[in-house]
Every structure is written in structure tokens, then in C-alpha cells.
Amino acid sequence: MSNQQHIHQHRQRVDEEALYQRKIQEAFNDYVKSYPINISYPAKVVSTTTVTNDSYNQENTHLRTNKDLIQNRLQESGIIFNDETKRQTMEDLAEPISKFISTMNSSGCYNAVQVKLHDDNNDDDNNND
């Protein structure tokens, strides 16, 4: 077998492997897009900044907005909470989450706010102070 034939066979195997990997990636992407998600209400809203309290020599986080306002903005963006009959997929959530982020960024007032959409958000940090 000539050197040219070896090179051709090698390229063919590399191309077949790349095609196989691409098919696996596409199948994985399809799975992720269709994965159902139930978002619990309310979402966890926390401050991302720390404030030093000199009188007590401690650092703590203080949210400088109303958590209900954030929850309303999430709902206005189209995110559905706690609905077992309409479980959203990752693909369904991409646009509403993008819209929510855009709305928050456009105001310029929420740079120090972090919103967590996950099932384990019923702790004491989520109370309105």
C-alpha cells in the first residue's frame, strides 16, 4: 500500500470519527433542549455585594431592592413557576431568561443582584426584609 493510500485511509477515519462525534453532540443538544424544568417560586434573590459594618467589624450582604419586584419581573418575562402541567424545557426558558436579564440590565439598578432559579430556594435568605 502506498503512502498516499495510507494518508487517504487516515483522513477517511478522521472524517468518520468527526461525523460520529458531531452526531453525538447533536443528540446531546437535543436532549438538553427538551429537558423539562419546574422552577420553584419564589426564585432566590441575593445581593452580590458585601457591606462592612465598622461598628460591629463584620461584613454582610444587603439587598437594596424589593424581592417581590424581582419576582414580578421574572413572571413578566414569561417564566412559569411551579406548574406541573406546563413544564418548561431549557429551550423554552432561553428567551424568557434572556428577556429578564435584558430588562434588569437596561435599568442599570440591579448590577449587585443575583437571581437563582433552582428547586432548593426555600431558605431564610429569601424572606423580604
C-alpha atoms as a PDB file:
ATOM      1  CA  MET A   1       0.000   0.000   0.000  1.00  0.00           C
ATOM      2  CA  SER A   2       1.374   3.364  -0.979  1.00  0.00           C
ATOM      3  CA  ASN A   3       1.904   6.311   1.311  1.00  0.00           C
ATOM      4  CA  GLN A   4      -0.894   8.184  -0.484  1.00  0.00           C
ATOM      5  CA  GLN A   5      -3.339   5.364   0.265  1.00  0.00           C
ATOM      6  CA  HIS A   6      -2.380   5.377   3.964  1.00  0.00           C
ATOM      7  CA  ILE A   7      -2.949   9.120   4.122  1.00  0.00           C
ATOM      8  CA  HIS A   8      -6.303   8.763   2.371  1.00  0.00           C
ATOM      9  CA  GLN A   9      -7.432   5.993   4.749  1.00  0.00           C
ATOM     10  CA  HIS A  10      -6.300   8.013   7.758  1.00  0.00           C
ATOM     11  CA  ARG A  11      -8.230  11.073   6.584  1.00  0.00           C
ATOM     12  CA  GLN A  12     -11.283   8.940   5.966  1.00  0.00           C
ATOM     13  CA  ARG A  13     -11.138   7.527   9.523  1.00  0.00           C
ATOM     14  CA  VAL A  14     -10.685  11.036  10.953  1.00  0.00           C
ATOM     15  CA  ASP A  15     -13.683  12.276   8.951  1.00  0.00           C
ATOM     16  CA  GLU A  16     -15.817   9.329  10.115  1.00  0.00           C
ATOM     17  CA  GLU A  17     -14.841   9.961  13.737  1.00  0.00           C
ATOM     18  CA  ALA A  18     -15.663  13.672  13.394  1.00  0.00           C
ATOM     19  CA  LEU A  19     -19.068  12.815  11.911  1.00  0.00           C
ATOM     20  CA  TYR A  20     -19.731  10.366  14.752  1.00  0.00           C
ATOM     21  CA  GLN A  21     -18.755  12.974  17.368  1.00  0.00           C
ATOM     22  CA  ARG A  22     -20.977  15.572  15.670  1.00  0.00           C
ATOM     23  CA  LYS A  23     -23.955  13.180  15.774  1.00  0.00           C
ATOM     24  CA  ILE A  24     -23.377  12.515  19.476  1.00  0.00           C
ATOM     25  CA  GLN A  25     -23.146  16.271  20.169  1.00  0.00           C
ATOM     26  CA  GLU A  26     -26.382  16.933  18.253  1.00  0.00           C
ATOM     27  CA  ALA A  27     -28.180  14.172  20.181  1.00  0.00           C
ATOM     28  CA  PHE A  28     -26.923  15.617  23.464  1.00  0.00           C
ATOM     29  CA  ASN A  29     -28.031  19.137  22.453  1.00  0.00           C
ATOM     30  CA  ASP A  30     -31.489  17.839  21.539  1.00  0.00           C
ATOM     31  CA  TYR A  31     -31.725  16.120  24.928  1.00  0.00           C
ATOM     32  CA  VAL A  32     -30.676  19.271  26.820  1.00  0.00           C
ATOM     33  CA  LYS A  33     -33.125  21.448  24.868  1.00  0.00           C
ATOM     34  CA  SER A  34     -36.015  19.116  25.685  1.00  0.00           C
ATOM     35  CA  TYR A  35     -35.121  18.507  29.356  1.00  0.00           C
ATOM     36  CA  PRO A  36     -38.156  19.527  31.471  1.00  0.00           C
ATOM     37  CA  ILE A  37     -37.597  22.007  34.297  1.00  0.00           C
ATOM     38  CA  ASN A  38     -40.001  23.031  37.041  1.00  0.00           C
ATOM     39  CA  ILE A  39     -38.917  26.355  38.529  1.00  0.00           C
ATOM     40  CA  SER A  40     -39.922  26.824  42.152  1.00  0.00           C
ATOM     41  CA  TYR A  41     -41.482  30.063  43.307  1.00  0.00           C
ATOM     42  CA  PRO A  42     -40.116  32.311  44.617  1.00  0.00           C
ATOM     43  CA  ALA A  43     -36.700  32.470  43.000  1.00  0.00           C
ATOM     44  CA  LYS A  44     -33.838  33.144  45.389  1.00  0.00           C
ATOM     45  CA  VAL A  45     -32.714  36.785  45.193  1.00  0.00           C
ATOM     46  CA  VAL A  46     -29.458  37.749  46.904  1.00  0.00           C
ATOM     47  CA  SER A  47     -27.068  40.654  46.908  1.00  0.00           C
ATOM     48  CA  THR A  48     -23.669  40.160  45.330  1.00  0.00           C
ATOM     49  CA  THR A  49     -22.026  42.997  47.254  1.00  0.00           C
ATOM     50  CA  THR A  50     -20.835  42.998  50.828  1.00  0.00           C
ATOM     51  CA  VAL A  51     -21.085  45.975  53.150  1.00  0.00           C
ATOM     52  CA  THR A  52     -18.666  46.395  56.027  1.00  0.00           C
ATOM     53  CA  ASN A  53     -20.296  47.455  59.249  1.00  0.00           C
ATOM     54  CA  ASP A  54     -17.480  49.213  61.126  1.00  0.00           C
ATOM     55  CA  SER A  55     -19.356  49.408  64.417  1.00  0.00           C
ATOM     56  CA  TYR A  56     -19.520  45.608  64.586  1.00  0.00           C
ATOM     57  CA  ASN A  57     -16.458  44.914  62.412  1.00  0.00           C
ATOM     58  CA  GLN A  58     -18.454  42.460  60.269  1.00  0.00           C
ATOM     59  CA  GLU A  59     -19.260  42.080  56.641  1.00  0.00           C
ATOM     60  CA  ASN A  60     -22.763  41.254  55.494  1.00  0.00           C
ATOM     61  CA  THR A  61     -24.790  41.386  52.344  1.00  0.00           C
ATOM     62  CA  HIS A  62     -27.674  43.761  51.997  1.00  0.00           C
ATOM     63  CA  LEU A  63     -30.167  43.653  49.167  1.00  0.00           C
ATOM     64  CA  ARG A  64     -31.093  47.170  48.095  1.00  0.00           C
ATOM     65  CA  THR A  65     -34.255  46.253  46.204  1.00  0.00           C
ATOM     66  CA  ASN A  66     -37.582  44.603  46.883  1.00  0.00           C
ATOM     67  CA  LYS A  67     -37.534  40.875  46.163  1.00  0.00           C
ATOM     68  CA  ASP A  68     -41.181  40.980  45.057  1.00  0.00           C
ATOM     69  CA  LEU A  69     -40.217  43.398  42.288  1.00  0.00           C
ATOM     70  CA  ILE A  70     -37.657  40.878  41.015  1.00  0.00           C
ATOM     71  CA  GLN A  71     -40.224  38.044  41.187  1.00  0.00           C
ATOM     72  CA  ASN A  72     -42.697  40.156  39.182  1.00  0.00           C
ATOM     73  CA  ARG A  73     -40.055  40.898  36.531  1.00  0.00           C
ATOM     74  CA  LEU A  74     -39.372  37.166  36.202  1.00  0.00           C
ATOM     75  CA  GLN A  75     -43.061  36.456  35.650  1.00  0.00           C
ATOM     76  CA  GLU A  76     -43.450  39.378  33.221  1.00  0.00           C
ATOM     77  CA  SER A  77     -40.586  37.903  31.210  1.00  0.00           C
ATOM     78  CA  GLY A  78     -42.592  34.716  30.687  1.00  0.00           C
ATOM     79  CA  ILE A  79     -41.017  32.359  33.200  1.00  0.00           C
ATOM     80  CA  ILE A  80     -43.611  29.939  34.573  1.00  0.00           C
ATOM     81  CA  PHE A  81     -43.245  28.866  38.201  1.00  0.00           C
ATOM     82  CA  ASN A  82     -44.478  25.668  39.895  1.00  0.00           C
ATOM     83  CA  ASP A  83     -46.641  24.436  37.036  1.00  0.00           C
ATOM     84  CA  GLU A  84     -46.543  20.651  36.778  1.00  0.00           C
ATOM     85  CA  THR A  85     -48.878  20.758  33.754  1.00  0.00           C
ATOM     86  CA  LYS A  86     -46.560  23.051  31.724  1.00  0.00           C
ATOM     87  CA  ARG A  87     -43.001  22.026  32.499  1.00  0.00           C
ATOM     88  CA  GLN A  88     -40.700  24.272  30.552  1.00  0.00           C
ATOM     89  CA  THR A  89     -37.672  22.986  28.726  1.00  0.00           C
ATOM     90  CA  MET A  90     -34.261  24.610  28.523  1.00  0.00           C
ATOM     91  CA  GLU A  91     -35.213  25.759  25.046  1.00  0.00           C
ATOM     92  CA  ASP A  92     -38.478  27.278  26.366  1.00  0.00           C
ATOM     93  CA  LEU A  93     -36.608  29.148  29.105  1.00  0.00           C
ATOM     94  CA  ALA A  94     -33.838  30.619  26.948  1.00  0.00           C
ATOM     95  CA  GLU A  95     -35.900  33.539  25.617  1.00  0.00           C
ATOM     96  CA  PRO A  96     -37.697  34.500  28.877  1.00  0.00           C
ATOM     97  CA  ILE A  97     -34.449  34.395  30.849  1.00  0.00           C
ATOM     98  CA  SER A  98     -32.722  36.483  28.203  1.00  0.00           C
ATOM     99  CA  LYS A  99     -35.612  38.967  28.315  1.00  0.00           C
ATOM    100  CA  PHE A 100     -35.409  39.140  32.129  1.00  0.00           C
ATOM    101  CA  ILE A 101     -31.661  39.766  32.045  1.00  0.00           C
ATOM    102  CA  SER A 102     -32.063  42.425  29.378  1.00  0.00           C
ATOM    103  CA  THR A 103     -34.777  44.184  31.408  1.00  0.00           C
ATOM    104  CA  MET A 104     -32.654  44.155  34.543  1.00  0.00           C
ATOM    105  CA  ASN A 105     -29.516  45.326  32.724  1.00  0.00           C
ATOM    106  CA  SER A 106     -31.315  48.140  30.905  1.00  0.00           C
ATOM    107  CA  SER A 107     -32.341  49.742  34.198  1.00  0.00           C
ATOM    108  CA  GLY A 108     -28.762  49.802  35.488  1.00  0.00           C
ATOM    109  CA  CYS A 109     -30.090  49.397  39.026  1.00  0.00           C
ATOM    110  CA  TYR A 110     -29.609  45.681  39.506  1.00  0.00           C
ATOM    111  CA  ASN A 111     -25.885  45.135  39.000  1.00  0.00           C
ATOM    112  CA  ALA A 112     -25.484  43.793  42.539  1.00  0.00           C
ATOM    113  CA  VAL A 113     -28.405  41.347  42.447  1.00  0.00           C
ATOM    114  CA  GLN A 114     -28.142  37.637  41.803  1.00  0.00           C
ATOM    115  CA  VAL A 115     -31.259  35.603  40.993  1.00  0.00           C
ATOM    116  CA  LYS A 116     -31.103  31.843  41.385  1.00  0.00           C
ATOM    117  CA  LEU A 117     -33.723  29.707  39.655  1.00  0.00           C
ATOM    118  CA  HIS A 118     -33.472  26.332  41.315  1.00  0.00           C
ATOM    119  CA  ASP A 119     -35.524  23.925  43.410  1.00  0.00           C
ATOM    120  CA  ASP A 120     -33.689  24.440  46.709  1.00  0.00           C
ATOM    121  CA  ASN A 121     -34.683  28.043  47.387  1.00  0.00           C
ATOM    122  CA  ASN A 122     -36.956  27.883  50.393  1.00  0.00           C
ATOM    123  CA  ASP A 123     -34.375  29.012  52.950  1.00  0.00           C
ATOM    124  CA  ASP A 124     -34.427  32.022  55.234  1.00  0.00           C
ATOM    125  CA  ASP A 125     -32.431  34.192  52.795  1.00  0.00           C
ATOM    126  CA  ASN A 126     -35.497  34.516  50.611  1.00  0.00           C
ATOM    127  CA  ASN A 127     -37.623  36.461  53.094  1.00  0.00           C
ATOM    128  CA  ASN A 128     -38.371  40.108  52.367  1.00  0.00           C
ATOM    129  CA  ASP A 129     -36.543  42.152  54.970  1.00  0.00           C
END
